[in-house]
Amino acid sequence: VHGSAPDIAGQNVANPVAAIASAAMLLRHALGAAKEADAIERAIGETLAAGARTADLQAGAGAPLSCTGMTDAILQRLDAIDV
């Protein structure tokens, strides 16, 4: 995760996937929580496979999700995964 993106600050359009994936990396490499990290990575993958996208990734039909919307979509998938 890098860059501050001041041009989109406060607009709720940033893509949260890298920040969420970083949390999975922290769990796996610093805390040894591989199962929890796997669950986060799976939730991200399933969310993207279902077509959820923020504006920076949206290439087809459908409205892009906000930062909050994408985060909520990933969390919904994560809640459904048994860890």
Foldseek 3Di string as FASTA:
>chain_A
DDDDPPVCPPVQQDACLVVLLVVLVCCCPVVVNNVLSVLLVVLLVVLVVVPAAGPVPDDDDDDHDGNVRSVVSSVVSSVVDDD
